[in-house]
N, C-alpha and C. Protein backbone atom coordinates (compact mmCIF):
# COMPACT_ATOMS: atom_id res chain seq x y z
N MET A 1 3.88 -61.16 0.26
CA MET A 1 5.05 -60.56 -0.11
C MET A 1 6.09 -61.58 -0.21
N SER A 2 6.79 -61.69 -1.41
CA SER A 2 7.93 -62.67 -1.44
C SER A 2 9.21 -62.22 -0.74
N GLU A 3 10.13 -63.06 -0.26
CA GLU A 3 11.20 -62.69 0.36
C GLU A 3 12.05 -61.69 -0.51
N SER A 4 12.22 -62.11 -1.82
CA SER A 4 13.07 -61.17 -2.58
C SER A 4 12.53 -59.66 -2.71
N GLU A 5 11.16 -59.58 -2.90
CA GLU A 5 10.57 -58.43 -2.87
C GLU A 5 10.76 -57.63 -1.52
N SER A 6 10.52 -58.35 -0.43
CA SER A 6 10.42 -57.84 0.77
C SER A 6 11.76 -57.09 1.29
N SER A 7 12.89 -57.74 0.76
CA SER A 7 14.16 -57.19 1.14
C SER A 7 14.97 -56.44 0.08
N SER A 8 14.33 -56.21 -1.01
CA SER A 8 14.95 -55.64 -2.25
C SER A 8 15.11 -53.96 -2.09
N VAL A 9 14.38 -53.45 -1.24
CA VAL A 9 14.41 -51.93 -1.20
C VAL A 9 14.62 -51.53 0.34
N ASN A 10 15.46 -50.51 0.33
CA ASN A 10 15.64 -49.93 1.64
C ASN A 10 15.85 -48.39 1.65
N LEU A 11 15.79 -47.75 2.68
CA LEU A 11 15.83 -46.23 2.60
C LEU A 11 17.24 -45.61 1.97
N SER A 12 18.26 -46.40 2.27
CA SER A 12 19.65 -45.97 1.84
C SER A 12 19.68 -45.57 0.34
N GLN A 13 18.84 -46.34 -0.47
CA GLN A 13 19.01 -46.01 -1.86
C GLN A 13 18.38 -44.61 -2.28
N PHE A 14 17.82 -43.98 -1.25
CA PHE A 14 17.22 -42.56 -1.49
C PHE A 14 18.09 -41.63 -0.86
N LYS A 15 19.08 -42.01 -0.27
CA LYS A 15 19.92 -40.95 0.62
C LYS A 15 20.79 -40.05 -0.19
N GLU A 16 20.60 -38.80 0.19
CA GLU A 16 21.36 -37.70 -0.47
C GLU A 16 21.55 -36.43 0.34
N LYS A 17 22.54 -35.68 0.00
CA LYS A 17 22.79 -34.48 0.89
C LYS A 17 21.66 -33.55 0.66
N ILE A 18 21.16 -33.07 1.81
CA ILE A 18 19.94 -32.04 1.66
C ILE A 18 20.34 -30.94 0.94
N CYS A 19 19.62 -30.51 0.02
CA CYS A 19 19.80 -29.40 -0.93
C CYS A 19 18.49 -28.55 -0.98
N LEU A 20 18.31 -27.43 -0.32
CA LEU A 20 17.01 -26.78 -0.15
C LEU A 20 16.74 -25.95 -1.49
N SER A 21 15.66 -26.31 -2.01
CA SER A 21 15.14 -25.76 -3.43
C SER A 21 16.19 -25.81 -4.51
N GLY A 22 17.06 -26.85 -4.51
CA GLY A 22 18.11 -27.01 -5.44
C GLY A 22 19.18 -25.99 -5.37
N ARG A 23 19.37 -25.16 -4.30
CA ARG A 23 20.41 -24.22 -4.34
C ARG A 23 21.27 -24.32 -3.10
N LEU A 24 20.72 -24.33 -1.92
CA LEU A 24 21.54 -24.32 -0.74
C LEU A 24 21.74 -25.86 -0.22
N SER A 25 22.93 -26.19 -0.42
CA SER A 25 23.46 -27.56 -0.01
C SER A 25 23.69 -27.61 1.59
N LEU A 26 23.26 -28.44 2.33
CA LEU A 26 23.53 -28.48 3.65
C LEU A 26 24.37 -29.83 4.03
N ASP A 27 25.18 -29.77 5.09
CA ASP A 27 26.03 -30.86 5.33
C ASP A 27 25.30 -31.88 6.23
N ALA A 28 24.15 -32.31 5.81
CA ALA A 28 23.36 -33.24 6.37
C ALA A 28 22.75 -34.00 5.19
N TYR A 29 22.46 -35.40 5.73
CA TYR A 29 21.97 -36.30 4.73
C TYR A 29 20.53 -36.67 5.15
N ALA A 30 19.68 -36.85 4.12
CA ALA A 30 18.30 -37.47 4.35
C ALA A 30 17.87 -38.14 3.06
N TYR A 31 16.68 -38.82 3.27
CA TYR A 31 16.13 -39.60 2.13
C TYR A 31 15.22 -38.73 1.30
N ARG A 32 15.47 -38.66 0.13
CA ARG A 32 14.94 -37.91 -0.97
C ARG A 32 13.60 -38.56 -1.30
N MET A 33 12.38 -37.97 -1.17
CA MET A 33 11.23 -38.63 -1.44
C MET A 33 10.51 -38.33 -2.78
N ASP A 34 10.93 -37.23 -3.31
CA ASP A 34 10.28 -36.80 -4.62
C ASP A 34 11.23 -37.10 -5.87
N GLY A 35 12.35 -37.70 -5.62
CA GLY A 35 13.22 -38.04 -6.89
C GLY A 35 14.24 -37.01 -6.94
N SER A 36 15.36 -37.14 -7.54
CA SER A 36 16.55 -36.04 -7.83
C SER A 36 17.18 -36.55 -9.00
N GLU A 37 16.95 -35.74 -10.09
CA GLU A 37 17.52 -36.19 -11.33
C GLU A 37 19.04 -35.94 -11.35
N GLY A 38 19.60 -34.88 -10.70
CA GLY A 38 21.08 -34.70 -10.76
C GLY A 38 21.75 -35.80 -10.10
N ASN A 39 21.30 -36.39 -8.88
CA ASN A 39 22.02 -37.34 -8.38
C ASN A 39 21.55 -38.89 -8.48
N ASN A 40 20.55 -39.00 -9.58
CA ASN A 40 20.00 -40.23 -9.87
C ASN A 40 19.25 -40.79 -8.73
N ILE A 41 18.66 -40.12 -7.88
CA ILE A 41 17.83 -40.77 -6.92
C ILE A 41 16.39 -40.83 -7.40
N GLU A 42 15.92 -41.99 -7.28
CA GLU A 42 14.54 -42.30 -7.97
C GLU A 42 13.46 -41.71 -6.92
N ASN A 43 12.20 -41.63 -7.42
CA ASN A 43 11.21 -41.40 -6.71
C ASN A 43 10.73 -42.52 -5.87
N MET A 44 10.52 -42.24 -4.64
CA MET A 44 9.97 -43.42 -3.59
C MET A 44 8.61 -43.98 -4.11
N ALA A 45 7.79 -43.10 -4.69
CA ALA A 45 6.43 -43.49 -5.08
C ALA A 45 6.54 -44.70 -6.02
N LYS A 46 7.50 -44.66 -6.76
CA LYS A 46 7.79 -45.67 -7.86
C LYS A 46 7.76 -47.08 -7.11
N TYR A 47 8.43 -47.23 -6.02
CA TYR A 47 8.57 -48.56 -5.36
C TYR A 47 7.39 -48.69 -4.43
N ALA A 48 6.47 -47.88 -4.26
CA ALA A 48 5.26 -47.92 -3.56
C ALA A 48 4.17 -48.32 -4.56
N ASP A 49 4.45 -48.31 -5.80
CA ASP A 49 3.31 -48.53 -6.85
C ASP A 49 2.19 -47.61 -6.73
N LEU A 50 2.60 -46.29 -6.63
CA LEU A 50 1.41 -45.30 -6.41
C LEU A 50 1.50 -44.24 -7.35
N GLY A 51 2.00 -44.36 -8.55
CA GLY A 51 2.11 -43.34 -9.58
C GLY A 51 3.22 -42.29 -9.07
N THR A 52 2.70 -41.02 -9.08
CA THR A 52 3.39 -39.90 -8.60
C THR A 52 2.73 -38.98 -7.79
N PRO A 53 2.26 -39.35 -6.61
CA PRO A 53 1.58 -38.44 -5.81
C PRO A 53 2.48 -37.20 -5.35
N SER A 54 1.83 -36.13 -5.05
CA SER A 54 2.57 -34.98 -4.60
C SER A 54 3.06 -35.22 -3.11
N CYS A 55 4.40 -35.22 -2.75
CA CYS A 55 4.85 -35.33 -1.49
C CYS A 55 5.76 -34.52 -1.07
N CYS A 56 6.36 -34.64 0.17
CA CYS A 56 7.34 -33.75 0.73
C CYS A 56 8.81 -33.94 0.05
N ASP A 57 9.61 -33.19 0.22
CA ASP A 57 10.98 -33.24 -0.43
C ASP A 57 11.88 -34.35 0.27
N TYR A 58 11.80 -34.36 1.66
CA TYR A 58 12.93 -35.27 2.29
C TYR A 58 12.23 -35.82 3.59
N LEU A 59 12.70 -37.09 3.81
CA LEU A 59 12.61 -37.77 5.15
C LEU A 59 13.82 -37.83 5.89
N TYR A 60 13.78 -37.22 7.06
CA TYR A 60 15.01 -37.14 7.90
C TYR A 60 14.69 -37.96 9.08
N VAL A 61 15.53 -39.00 9.35
CA VAL A 61 15.14 -39.92 10.54
C VAL A 61 16.38 -39.43 11.67
N LYS A 62 15.83 -39.23 12.79
CA LYS A 62 16.67 -38.88 14.07
C LYS A 62 16.01 -39.48 15.26
N ASP A 63 16.85 -40.60 15.77
CA ASP A 63 16.33 -41.31 16.89
C ASP A 63 14.94 -42.00 16.65
N GLN A 64 13.92 -41.54 17.38
CA GLN A 64 12.58 -42.20 17.22
C GLN A 64 11.70 -41.34 16.45
N THR A 65 12.30 -40.28 15.77
CA THR A 65 11.41 -39.41 15.08
C THR A 65 11.71 -39.45 13.47
N ALA A 66 10.77 -39.46 12.72
CA ALA A 66 10.77 -39.45 11.20
C ALA A 66 10.40 -38.02 10.87
N ILE A 67 11.14 -37.11 10.27
CA ILE A 67 10.65 -35.95 9.98
C ILE A 67 10.48 -35.72 8.47
N LEU A 68 9.35 -35.18 8.24
CA LEU A 68 9.02 -34.84 6.74
C LEU A 68 9.37 -33.48 6.54
N ILE A 69 10.24 -33.15 5.60
CA ILE A 69 10.76 -31.88 5.29
C ILE A 69 10.16 -31.36 3.97
N GLU A 70 9.72 -30.29 3.85
CA GLU A 70 9.15 -29.60 2.68
C GLU A 70 9.81 -28.26 2.66
N ASP A 71 10.59 -27.88 1.55
CA ASP A 71 11.06 -26.54 1.56
C ASP A 71 10.47 -25.74 0.31
N THR A 72 10.46 -24.44 0.48
CA THR A 72 9.89 -23.55 -0.57
C THR A 72 10.28 -22.24 -0.44
N PHE A 73 10.15 -21.48 -1.63
CA PHE A 73 10.27 -20.03 -1.66
C PHE A 73 8.93 -19.48 -1.66
N LEU A 74 8.56 -18.91 -0.47
CA LEU A 74 7.07 -18.52 -0.33
C LEU A 74 6.89 -17.18 -1.37
N GLU A 75 7.94 -16.38 -1.56
CA GLU A 75 7.60 -15.29 -2.43
C GLU A 75 7.32 -15.58 -3.89
N GLN A 76 8.00 -16.77 -4.28
CA GLN A 76 7.66 -17.22 -5.63
C GLN A 76 6.25 -17.83 -5.67
N LYS A 77 5.97 -18.56 -4.54
CA LYS A 77 4.55 -19.23 -4.49
C LYS A 77 3.41 -18.20 -4.55
N MET A 78 3.68 -17.02 -3.86
CA MET A 78 2.79 -15.89 -3.85
C MET A 78 2.73 -15.29 -5.25
N LYS A 79 3.80 -15.23 -5.83
CA LYS A 79 3.65 -14.59 -7.16
C LYS A 79 2.85 -15.41 -8.17
N GLU A 80 2.87 -16.80 -8.07
CA GLU A 80 2.23 -17.61 -8.77
C GLU A 80 0.68 -17.61 -8.41
N LEU A 81 0.39 -17.36 -7.05
CA LEU A 81 -1.00 -17.28 -6.75
C LEU A 81 -1.60 -16.04 -7.23
N LYS A 82 -0.86 -14.94 -7.21
CA LYS A 82 -1.18 -13.61 -7.73
C LYS A 82 -1.82 -13.70 -9.17
N LEU A 83 -1.00 -14.48 -10.00
CA LEU A 83 -1.46 -14.73 -11.45
C LEU A 83 -2.78 -15.54 -11.52
N GLU A 84 -2.82 -16.47 -10.48
CA GLU A 84 -4.07 -17.26 -10.47
C GLU A 84 -5.37 -16.54 -10.01
N LEU A 85 -5.07 -15.89 -8.88
CA LEU A 85 -6.27 -15.11 -8.14
C LEU A 85 -6.41 -13.81 -8.59
N GLY A 86 -5.60 -13.18 -9.45
CA GLY A 86 -5.86 -11.81 -9.76
C GLY A 86 -5.20 -10.66 -8.88
N ASP A 87 -5.50 -9.54 -9.06
CA ASP A 87 -4.78 -8.40 -8.36
C ASP A 87 -5.20 -8.43 -6.83
N PHE A 88 -4.05 -8.50 -5.89
CA PHE A 88 -4.30 -8.38 -4.49
C PHE A 88 -4.53 -6.95 -3.93
N ASN A 89 -4.38 -5.94 -4.82
CA ASN A 89 -4.53 -4.55 -4.50
C ASN A 89 -5.92 -4.08 -4.49
N LYS A 90 -6.75 -4.94 -4.87
CA LYS A 90 -8.23 -4.39 -5.06
C LYS A 90 -8.93 -4.49 -3.66
N ILE A 91 -10.14 -4.04 -3.66
CA ILE A 91 -10.96 -3.75 -2.43
C ILE A 91 -10.95 -5.02 -1.60
N GLU A 92 -11.04 -6.12 -2.15
CA GLU A 92 -11.19 -7.45 -1.54
C GLU A 92 -9.85 -8.03 -1.01
N ARG A 93 -8.89 -7.24 -0.86
CA ARG A 93 -7.54 -7.70 -0.57
C ARG A 93 -7.53 -8.69 0.62
N LYS A 94 -8.15 -8.41 1.71
CA LYS A 94 -8.23 -9.33 2.76
C LYS A 94 -8.70 -10.60 2.36
N LYS A 95 -9.79 -10.70 1.58
CA LYS A 95 -10.44 -12.00 1.25
C LYS A 95 -9.50 -12.69 0.25
N GLU A 96 -8.85 -12.04 -0.62
CA GLU A 96 -7.89 -12.68 -1.61
C GLU A 96 -6.66 -13.21 -0.79
N PHE A 97 -6.31 -12.47 0.21
CA PHE A 97 -5.11 -12.89 1.11
C PHE A 97 -5.41 -14.24 1.73
N ASP A 98 -6.64 -14.23 2.28
CA ASP A 98 -7.19 -15.42 3.14
C ASP A 98 -7.28 -16.71 2.11
N ARG A 99 -7.85 -16.32 1.00
CA ARG A 99 -7.92 -17.46 -0.04
C ARG A 99 -6.51 -17.98 -0.49
N ALA A 100 -5.74 -17.14 -0.63
CA ALA A 100 -4.27 -17.45 -1.01
C ALA A 100 -3.61 -18.43 0.09
N LYS A 101 -3.75 -17.94 1.28
CA LYS A 101 -3.20 -18.61 2.44
C LYS A 101 -3.64 -20.03 2.53
N ASN A 102 -5.06 -20.10 2.35
CA ASN A 102 -5.68 -21.39 2.47
C ASN A 102 -5.28 -22.35 1.26
N LEU A 103 -5.21 -21.80 0.16
CA LEU A 103 -4.65 -22.66 -1.06
C LEU A 103 -3.35 -23.14 -0.80
N LEU A 104 -2.40 -22.28 -0.23
CA LEU A 104 -1.04 -22.72 0.07
C LEU A 104 -1.09 -23.88 1.30
N LYS A 105 -1.92 -23.64 2.24
CA LYS A 105 -1.99 -24.59 3.35
C LYS A 105 -2.47 -26.11 2.75
N LYS A 106 -3.42 -25.99 1.96
CA LYS A 106 -4.05 -27.35 1.30
C LYS A 106 -2.92 -27.97 0.51
N GLU A 107 -2.17 -27.16 -0.29
CA GLU A 107 -1.09 -27.64 -1.07
C GLU A 107 -0.09 -28.45 -0.37
N PHE A 108 0.40 -27.73 0.77
CA PHE A 108 1.49 -28.33 1.60
C PHE A 108 0.92 -29.54 2.50
N CYS A 109 -0.30 -29.47 2.88
CA CYS A 109 -0.86 -30.42 3.69
C CYS A 109 -1.00 -31.80 2.68
N LEU A 110 -1.36 -31.64 1.37
CA LEU A 110 -1.36 -32.60 0.52
C LEU A 110 -0.23 -33.31 0.38
N LYS A 111 0.98 -32.59 0.36
CA LYS A 111 2.22 -33.17 0.24
C LYS A 111 2.60 -34.02 1.41
N VAL A 112 2.07 -33.74 2.68
CA VAL A 112 2.38 -34.54 3.81
C VAL A 112 1.54 -35.70 3.72
N TYR A 113 0.33 -35.62 3.49
CA TYR A 113 -0.55 -36.74 3.18
C TYR A 113 -0.01 -37.81 2.18
N GLY A 114 0.54 -37.32 1.13
CA GLY A 114 1.04 -38.03 0.03
C GLY A 114 2.40 -38.76 0.58
N ALA A 115 3.21 -38.08 1.22
CA ALA A 115 4.40 -38.66 1.87
C ALA A 115 4.07 -39.84 2.73
N LEU A 116 3.15 -39.54 3.67
CA LEU A 116 2.73 -40.53 4.68
C LEU A 116 2.08 -41.75 3.85
N LEU A 117 1.34 -41.61 2.91
CA LEU A 117 0.78 -42.73 2.08
C LEU A 117 1.91 -43.50 1.49
N ILE A 118 2.90 -42.82 0.82
CA ILE A 118 4.08 -43.52 0.17
C ILE A 118 4.83 -44.40 1.30
N LEU A 119 5.11 -43.72 2.37
CA LEU A 119 5.96 -44.54 3.42
C LEU A 119 5.08 -45.62 3.89
N CYS A 120 3.77 -45.44 4.16
CA CYS A 120 3.03 -46.60 4.68
C CYS A 120 2.96 -47.79 3.64
N ARG A 121 2.72 -47.56 2.44
CA ARG A 121 2.98 -48.54 1.37
C ARG A 121 4.23 -49.12 1.29
N LEU A 122 5.30 -48.39 1.38
CA LEU A 122 6.64 -48.94 1.44
C LEU A 122 6.86 -49.93 2.54
N MET A 123 6.32 -49.42 3.64
CA MET A 123 6.49 -50.32 4.89
C MET A 123 5.71 -51.68 4.81
N GLN A 124 4.64 -51.69 3.99
CA GLN A 124 3.88 -52.84 3.73
C GLN A 124 4.55 -53.72 2.70
N LYS A 125 5.30 -53.19 1.73
CA LYS A 125 5.93 -53.87 0.78
C LYS A 125 7.31 -54.33 0.99
N HIS A 126 8.09 -53.64 1.76
CA HIS A 126 9.41 -53.90 1.86
C HIS A 126 9.95 -53.99 3.38
N ILE A 127 10.33 -55.14 3.75
CA ILE A 127 10.59 -55.47 5.21
C ILE A 127 11.76 -54.52 5.68
N ASP A 128 12.74 -54.14 5.07
CA ASP A 128 13.84 -53.30 5.49
C ASP A 128 13.23 -51.89 5.87
N ILE A 129 12.42 -51.40 5.02
CA ILE A 129 11.90 -50.16 5.39
C ILE A 129 10.85 -50.22 6.46
N SER A 130 10.18 -51.21 6.71
CA SER A 130 9.41 -51.44 7.73
C SER A 130 10.15 -51.36 9.17
N ARG A 131 11.27 -52.07 9.12
CA ARG A 131 12.11 -52.19 10.19
C ARG A 131 12.59 -50.84 10.57
N GLU A 132 13.09 -49.99 9.59
CA GLU A 132 13.60 -48.70 9.74
C GLU A 132 12.69 -47.66 10.35
N LEU A 133 11.46 -47.90 9.89
CA LEU A 133 10.43 -46.79 10.43
C LEU A 133 9.57 -47.23 11.35
N ASN A 134 9.51 -48.50 11.74
CA ASN A 134 8.42 -49.03 12.69
C ASN A 134 8.56 -48.35 14.01
N GLY A 135 7.54 -47.84 14.48
CA GLY A 135 7.62 -47.29 15.83
C GLY A 135 7.81 -45.75 15.74
N LYS A 136 8.27 -45.17 14.72
CA LYS A 136 8.73 -43.91 14.69
C LYS A 136 7.61 -42.93 14.77
N ARG A 137 7.71 -41.74 15.37
CA ARG A 137 6.82 -40.75 15.34
C ARG A 137 7.11 -39.80 14.18
N PHE A 138 6.11 -39.24 13.57
CA PHE A 138 6.22 -38.34 12.46
C PHE A 138 6.06 -36.96 12.71
N SER A 139 7.06 -36.24 12.27
CA SER A 139 6.92 -34.67 12.47
C SER A 139 7.03 -34.03 11.01
N PHE A 140 6.44 -32.81 10.90
CA PHE A 140 6.54 -32.13 9.56
C PHE A 140 7.17 -30.81 9.88
N TRP A 141 8.18 -30.64 9.09
CA TRP A 141 8.98 -29.35 9.18
C TRP A 141 8.73 -28.56 7.75
N PHE A 142 8.28 -27.43 7.87
CA PHE A 142 8.06 -26.58 6.67
C PHE A 142 9.16 -25.56 6.66
N VAL A 143 10.03 -25.56 5.74
CA VAL A 143 11.06 -24.83 5.63
C VAL A 143 10.96 -23.66 4.54
N ILE A 144 11.24 -22.40 5.14
CA ILE A 144 10.99 -21.17 4.20
C ILE A 144 12.40 -20.96 3.89
N ASN A 145 12.65 -20.72 2.46
CA ASN A 145 13.95 -20.36 1.99
C ASN A 145 14.24 -18.95 1.71
N ASP A 146 13.08 -18.12 1.74
CA ASP A 146 13.21 -16.58 1.62
C ASP A 146 14.12 -16.15 2.90
N GLN A 147 14.84 -15.02 2.62
CA GLN A 147 15.60 -14.60 3.63
C GLN A 147 15.12 -13.35 4.24
N GLY A 148 14.04 -13.31 4.86
CA GLY A 148 13.41 -12.20 5.57
C GLY A 148 13.05 -11.08 4.96
N ASN A 149 12.39 -10.12 5.49
CA ASN A 149 11.85 -8.96 4.83
C ASN A 149 11.06 -8.99 3.43
N ILE A 150 10.36 -10.16 3.43
CA ILE A 150 9.73 -10.53 2.23
C ILE A 150 8.22 -10.12 2.49
N PRO A 151 7.57 -9.08 1.75
CA PRO A 151 6.27 -8.58 2.02
C PRO A 151 5.39 -9.80 2.06
N ALA A 152 5.31 -10.78 1.06
CA ALA A 152 4.33 -11.72 1.17
C ALA A 152 4.28 -12.45 2.43
N ILE A 153 5.42 -12.53 3.04
CA ILE A 153 5.58 -13.29 4.39
C ILE A 153 5.14 -12.39 5.49
N ASP A 154 5.65 -11.21 5.59
CA ASP A 154 5.48 -10.42 6.62
C ASP A 154 4.04 -9.79 6.71
N ASN A 155 3.44 -9.23 5.41
CA ASN A 155 2.28 -8.65 5.27
C ASN A 155 1.06 -9.63 5.52
N MET A 156 1.34 -10.82 5.21
CA MET A 156 0.32 -11.93 5.32
C MET A 156 0.23 -12.64 6.65
N GLU A 157 1.37 -12.35 7.33
CA GLU A 157 1.59 -13.19 8.66
C GLU A 157 1.60 -14.65 8.36
N LEU A 158 2.38 -14.99 7.43
CA LEU A 158 2.33 -16.47 6.73
C LEU A 158 2.96 -17.43 7.90
N VAL A 159 3.95 -16.95 8.49
CA VAL A 159 4.71 -17.87 9.49
C VAL A 159 3.63 -18.36 10.67
N SER A 160 2.96 -17.32 11.30
CA SER A 160 2.15 -17.64 12.44
C SER A 160 0.90 -18.47 11.73
N PHE A 161 0.41 -18.11 10.53
CA PHE A 161 -0.66 -18.81 10.03
C PHE A 161 -0.31 -20.32 9.80
N PHE A 162 0.81 -20.48 9.17
CA PHE A 162 1.21 -21.81 8.89
C PHE A 162 1.41 -22.78 10.18
N GLU A 163 1.96 -21.96 11.22
CA GLU A 163 2.20 -22.71 12.45
C GLU A 163 0.94 -23.22 13.19
N GLN A 164 -0.05 -22.30 13.11
CA GLN A 164 -1.49 -22.67 13.62
C GLN A 164 -2.13 -23.72 12.71
N GLU A 165 -2.30 -23.44 11.37
CA GLU A 165 -2.99 -24.31 10.48
C GLU A 165 -2.49 -25.60 10.24
N PHE A 166 -1.10 -25.79 10.14
CA PHE A 166 -0.46 -26.96 9.96
C PHE A 166 -0.71 -27.91 11.19
N LYS A 167 -0.54 -27.37 12.40
CA LYS A 167 -0.92 -28.11 13.67
C LYS A 167 -2.33 -28.47 13.62
N ARG A 168 -3.28 -27.73 13.23
CA ARG A 168 -4.67 -28.00 13.20
C ARG A 168 -5.07 -29.16 12.19
N ALA A 169 -4.45 -28.97 11.04
CA ALA A 169 -4.85 -29.85 9.92
C ALA A 169 -4.05 -31.16 10.06
N LEU A 170 -2.83 -31.22 10.49
CA LEU A 170 -2.18 -32.41 10.43
C LEU A 170 -2.11 -33.16 11.80
N GLY A 171 -2.62 -32.45 12.93
CA GLY A 171 -2.54 -33.05 14.14
C GLY A 171 -3.77 -33.89 14.35
N GLY A 172 -4.61 -34.14 13.27
CA GLY A 172 -5.83 -34.92 13.45
C GLY A 172 -5.47 -36.31 13.66
N THR A 173 -6.50 -37.18 13.85
CA THR A 173 -6.33 -38.38 14.19
C THR A 173 -6.64 -39.39 13.23
N LEU A 174 -6.20 -40.54 13.06
CA LEU A 174 -6.52 -41.61 12.17
C LEU A 174 -6.70 -42.91 13.04
N GLU A 175 -7.81 -43.45 13.35
CA GLU A 175 -7.92 -44.52 14.22
C GLU A 175 -7.25 -44.34 15.64
N SER A 176 -7.49 -43.08 15.98
CA SER A 176 -7.05 -42.52 17.53
C SER A 176 -5.59 -42.42 17.45
N ALA A 177 -4.76 -42.39 16.43
CA ALA A 177 -3.44 -42.27 16.60
C ALA A 177 -3.01 -41.06 15.72
N LYS A 178 -2.28 -40.11 16.33
CA LYS A 178 -1.99 -38.76 15.55
C LYS A 178 -1.12 -39.20 14.32
N LEU A 179 -1.50 -38.41 13.28
CA LEU A 179 -0.80 -38.54 12.00
C LEU A 179 0.50 -37.99 12.18
N VAL A 180 0.65 -36.72 12.63
CA VAL A 180 1.86 -36.08 12.75
C VAL A 180 1.91 -35.52 14.18
N THR A 181 2.97 -35.78 14.92
CA THR A 181 2.93 -35.58 16.35
C THR A 181 3.55 -33.98 16.50
N GLU A 182 4.25 -33.48 15.57
CA GLU A 182 4.82 -32.15 15.70
C GLU A 182 4.80 -31.48 14.30
N THR A 183 4.55 -30.16 14.36
CA THR A 183 4.72 -29.35 13.05
C THR A 183 5.50 -28.16 13.47
N ARG A 184 6.44 -27.78 12.54
CA ARG A 184 7.23 -26.61 12.78
C ARG A 184 7.40 -25.82 11.35
N VAL A 185 7.50 -24.49 11.67
CA VAL A 185 7.74 -23.56 10.52
C VAL A 185 9.12 -23.15 10.79
N LEU A 186 10.07 -23.12 9.78
CA LEU A 186 11.45 -22.76 10.03
C LEU A 186 11.98 -22.03 8.83
N PHE A 187 12.94 -21.08 8.99
CA PHE A 187 13.60 -20.59 7.97
C PHE A 187 14.90 -21.41 7.82
N SER A 188 15.42 -21.34 6.53
CA SER A 188 16.65 -22.37 6.27
C SER A 188 17.66 -22.22 7.20
N ASN A 189 18.16 -21.03 7.75
CA ASN A 189 19.19 -20.91 8.67
C ASN A 189 18.80 -21.67 10.01
N GLN A 190 17.51 -21.67 10.30
CA GLN A 190 17.08 -22.27 11.60
C GLN A 190 17.13 -23.91 11.29
N LEU A 191 16.88 -24.21 10.14
CA LEU A 191 16.98 -25.73 9.86
C LEU A 191 18.51 -26.19 10.06
N LYS A 192 19.35 -25.41 9.67
CA LYS A 192 20.76 -25.93 9.84
C LYS A 192 21.15 -25.95 11.24
N LYS A 193 20.63 -25.09 12.06
CA LYS A 193 20.94 -25.19 13.55
C LYS A 193 20.16 -26.39 14.06
N GLU A 194 18.88 -26.65 13.69
CA GLU A 194 18.28 -27.94 14.05
C GLU A 194 18.86 -29.11 13.73
N LEU A 195 19.50 -29.24 12.59
CA LEU A 195 20.26 -30.41 12.22
C LEU A 195 21.76 -30.32 12.67
N GLN A 196 22.05 -29.44 13.47
CA GLN A 196 23.31 -29.23 14.15
C GLN A 196 24.54 -29.17 13.12
N ILE A 197 24.31 -28.29 11.98
CA ILE A 197 25.30 -28.21 11.09
C ILE A 197 26.23 -27.05 11.19
């Protein structure tokens, strides 16, 4: 790694105000991972030479923790899955619900793996990013933007499902080190409190 390459990129060039699903702007800043056209924030993967893998929306660094944040509207996601999987009101409703929940879990877990891969590669290629993230513990916060009373969330018990499944899927080990030390499922108003906004 040449000196010019190693010092040319740092996290500050990806910094922007957190904007959940492009609508709710928070008074907190994080590092945009998947690019942002409106603010001319480039995709981190470009600097990692990884093409465009699916990844989380933001990286928020606080003390010794690097938090991967993914936000979504679950009701919209469920509508998309209904089209893909067919009518949920048929006899096999429970089976279809379970299949839908597992598809969602896989999609969001892949985003975490993609984010970790990008950050690992950036730390190898760029000394400033390596210094910023070295020794940090990684957490994953899954933020639900729907505002309660959403049948897709309540009927399928999605919050408790994701809490259990993310912990199980992402708390695995890689060479005896935990990939993600903490996983949390939050609604957008809870995220604001956590970030002390």
